[in-house]
Amino acid sequence: MAKTHDKPLAQNRKARHDYHIIETYEAGLVLKGTEIKSIRNGKINIQDGYISIYRGEAWLKNVHISPYDHGNIFNHDPIRDRKLLLNKKEIATLQAEVKQNRMTIVPLKVYLVRGRAKILLGLAKGKDKYDKRHALKEQQAKRDVDRAMRGR
């Protein structure tokens, strides 16, 4: 289980709208060169990202980390696959859930812990259209109630 942190550098709000998040995991990121400087500047987009498990290793795919502004010729490829640091047990659990229960693993947010980039992963099951509409109606009703209570 992962603990939540205050100031995320990037969040995937769309994931909570599109999926039911069953469980969360915290993983480290294997970065190259100036990637950490770009992440600290908030130049990371995890909206379209997903996690794939290949040969017993977890990989973060389709996440864009912009090249560092003050970098040089050794800047990295913005959309390369990045390895995630998880325990073997966690990887096995995630792989079993994905295969058996038709779930997916999505990145939820990126943050720093003692100067190191961490990513919060969510084991998720896709929502149907009516589930999404129902969630939006509940949010709107809650907002209306809060507004009415503030107006008193």
Protein backbone atom coordinates (compact mmCIF):
# COMPACT_ATOMS: atom_id res chain seq x y z
CA MET A 1 0.00 0.00 0.00
CA ALA A 2 1.24 3.45 -0.86
CA LYS A 3 1.01 6.55 1.26
CA THR A 4 -0.24 9.76 -0.24
CA HIS A 5 1.98 12.81 -0.50
CA ASP A 6 1.15 16.48 -0.48
CA LYS A 7 2.54 18.16 -3.58
CA PRO A 8 2.28 16.04 -6.73
CA LEU A 9 4.36 17.15 -9.71
CA ALA A 10 1.88 15.55 -12.11
CA GLN A 11 -1.58 14.05 -11.64
CA ASN A 12 -3.78 11.89 -13.80
CA ARG A 13 -7.26 13.12 -12.91
CA LYS A 14 -8.75 11.40 -15.94
CA ALA A 15 -7.81 7.99 -14.50
CA ARG A 16 -10.18 8.37 -11.55
CA HIS A 17 -12.94 9.32 -13.99
CA ASP A 18 -12.32 6.41 -16.38
CA TYR A 19 -11.47 3.65 -13.88
CA HIS A 20 -12.44 2.20 -10.52
CA ILE A 21 -9.14 2.25 -8.58
CA ILE A 22 -8.97 -1.00 -6.61
CA GLU A 23 -5.51 -0.74 -5.05
CA THR A 24 -2.51 1.60 -5.17
CA TYR A 25 1.22 0.94 -5.21
CA GLU A 26 4.23 3.24 -4.93
CA ALA A 27 7.12 2.65 -7.33
CA GLY A 28 10.42 4.31 -8.04
CA LEU A 29 11.39 5.47 -11.52
CA VAL A 30 14.63 4.63 -13.31
CA LEU A 31 15.60 7.91 -14.98
CA LYS A 32 18.47 8.99 -17.21
CA GLY A 33 20.49 12.18 -17.23
CA THR A 34 18.41 15.35 -17.10
CA GLU A 35 15.00 13.67 -16.73
CA ILE A 36 14.83 14.34 -12.99
CA LYS A 37 15.45 18.06 -13.58
CA SER A 38 12.55 18.17 -16.03
CA ILE A 39 10.33 16.32 -13.56
CA ARG A 40 11.23 18.77 -10.78
CA ASN A 41 10.18 21.59 -13.12
CA GLY A 42 6.83 19.82 -13.62
CA LYS A 43 7.47 19.02 -17.30
CA ILE A 44 5.89 15.57 -17.19
CA ASN A 45 2.60 14.38 -18.68
CA ILE A 46 1.15 11.07 -17.43
CA GLN A 47 -2.35 11.40 -18.93
CA ASP A 48 -1.92 8.74 -21.63
CA GLY A 49 0.52 6.58 -19.69
CA TYR A 50 0.10 2.95 -18.75
CA ILE A 51 2.17 0.21 -17.14
CA SER A 52 3.17 -2.98 -18.89
CA ILE A 53 4.80 -6.02 -17.31
CA TYR A 54 7.36 -7.71 -19.52
CA ARG A 55 9.79 -10.48 -18.48
CA GLY A 56 9.19 -9.92 -14.78
CA GLU A 57 9.80 -6.16 -14.94
CA ALA A 58 7.30 -3.30 -14.83
CA TRP A 59 7.64 -0.62 -17.53
CA LEU A 60 6.05 2.83 -17.69
CA LYS A 61 4.99 3.51 -21.26
CA ASN A 62 3.69 6.49 -23.21
CA VAL A 63 4.63 9.08 -20.56
CA HIS A 64 6.12 12.32 -21.88
CA ILE A 65 8.99 13.97 -19.98
CA SER A 66 10.05 17.10 -21.85
CA PRO A 67 13.77 17.56 -22.55
CA TYR A 68 15.51 19.78 -19.99
CA ASP A 69 15.70 23.41 -21.18
CA HIS A 70 19.34 23.89 -20.19
CA GLY A 71 20.40 20.41 -21.28
CA ASN A 72 22.89 19.51 -23.96
CA ILE A 73 23.30 16.85 -26.64
CA PHE A 74 22.83 14.15 -24.02
CA ASN A 75 19.16 14.99 -23.46
CA HIS A 76 16.85 11.97 -23.38
CA ASP A 77 14.06 10.79 -25.69
CA PRO A 78 10.82 12.33 -24.32
CA ILE A 79 8.61 9.23 -24.77
CA ARG A 80 10.94 6.36 -23.98
CA ASP A 81 9.88 3.39 -21.84
CA ARG A 82 11.01 3.74 -18.23
CA LYS A 83 11.58 0.90 -15.82
CA LEU A 84 9.68 0.92 -12.52
CA LEU A 85 11.20 -0.22 -9.26
CA LEU A 86 8.83 -2.65 -7.55
CA ASN A 87 9.31 -5.80 -5.46
CA LYS A 88 9.07 -9.15 -7.25
CA LYS A 89 6.05 -9.98 -5.11
CA GLU A 90 4.27 -6.77 -6.15
CA ILE A 91 5.04 -7.38 -9.82
CA ALA A 92 3.73 -10.96 -9.58
CA THR A 93 0.54 -9.75 -7.88
CA LEU A 94 -0.04 -7.06 -10.49
CA GLN A 95 0.64 -9.45 -13.36
CA ALA A 96 -1.80 -12.02 -11.95
CA GLU A 97 -4.55 -9.40 -11.50
CA VAL A 98 -4.08 -8.10 -15.03
CA LYS A 99 -4.23 -11.57 -16.58
CA GLN A 100 -7.00 -13.13 -14.50
CA ASN A 101 -9.34 -10.25 -13.70
CA ARG A 102 -8.86 -8.16 -16.86
CA MET A 103 -7.58 -5.15 -14.94
CA THR A 104 -5.13 -2.49 -15.99
CA ILE A 105 -2.39 -0.54 -14.24
CA VAL A 106 -2.44 3.24 -14.62
CA PRO A 107 -0.19 5.99 -13.26
CA LEU A 108 -2.07 8.27 -10.84
CA LYS A 109 0.52 10.83 -9.77
CA VAL A 110 4.24 11.63 -9.69
CA TYR A 111 5.88 13.19 -6.64
CA LEU A 112 9.25 13.48 -4.89
CA VAL A 113 10.29 11.63 -1.74
CA ARG A 114 13.64 12.82 -0.35
CA GLY A 115 14.69 14.02 -3.81
CA ARG A 116 13.74 10.82 -5.63
CA ALA A 117 10.90 10.60 -8.14
CA LYS A 118 8.13 8.22 -7.14
CA ILE A 119 4.99 7.29 -9.03
CA LEU A 120 1.68 6.18 -7.55
CA LEU A 121 0.22 3.30 -9.58
CA GLY A 122 -3.39 2.26 -9.50
CA LEU A 123 -4.69 -1.25 -10.16
CA ALA A 124 -7.87 -0.35 -11.98
CA LYS A 125 -10.98 -1.77 -13.59
CA GLY A 126 -12.58 0.20 -16.42
CA LYS A 127 -15.86 2.03 -15.85
CA ASP A 128 -18.81 1.76 -18.19
CA LYS A 129 -20.43 4.87 -19.67
CA TYR A 130 -23.35 4.76 -17.25
CA ASP A 131 -20.94 4.51 -14.30
CA LYS A 132 -19.17 7.67 -15.48
CA ARG A 133 -22.49 9.52 -15.88
CA HIS A 134 -23.61 8.37 -12.44
CA ALA A 135 -20.37 9.61 -10.85
CA LEU A 136 -20.76 13.00 -12.56
CA LYS A 137 -24.35 13.31 -11.30
CA GLU A 138 -23.22 12.51 -7.74
CA GLN A 139 -20.45 15.13 -7.93
CA GLN A 140 -22.90 17.75 -9.20
CA ALA A 141 -25.42 16.93 -6.45
CA LYS A 142 -22.70 17.19 -3.80
CA ARG A 143 -21.61 20.57 -5.20
CA ASP A 144 -25.20 21.82 -5.13
CA VAL A 145 -25.65 20.73 -1.49
CA ASP A 146 -22.35 22.39 -0.50
CA ARG A 147 -23.39 25.59 -2.27
CA ALA A 148 -26.77 25.60 -0.53
CA MET A 149 -25.14 25.03 2.87
CA ARG A 150 -22.68 27.89 2.27
CA GLY A 151 -25.53 30.19 1.24
CA ARG A 152 -27.29 29.84 4.59
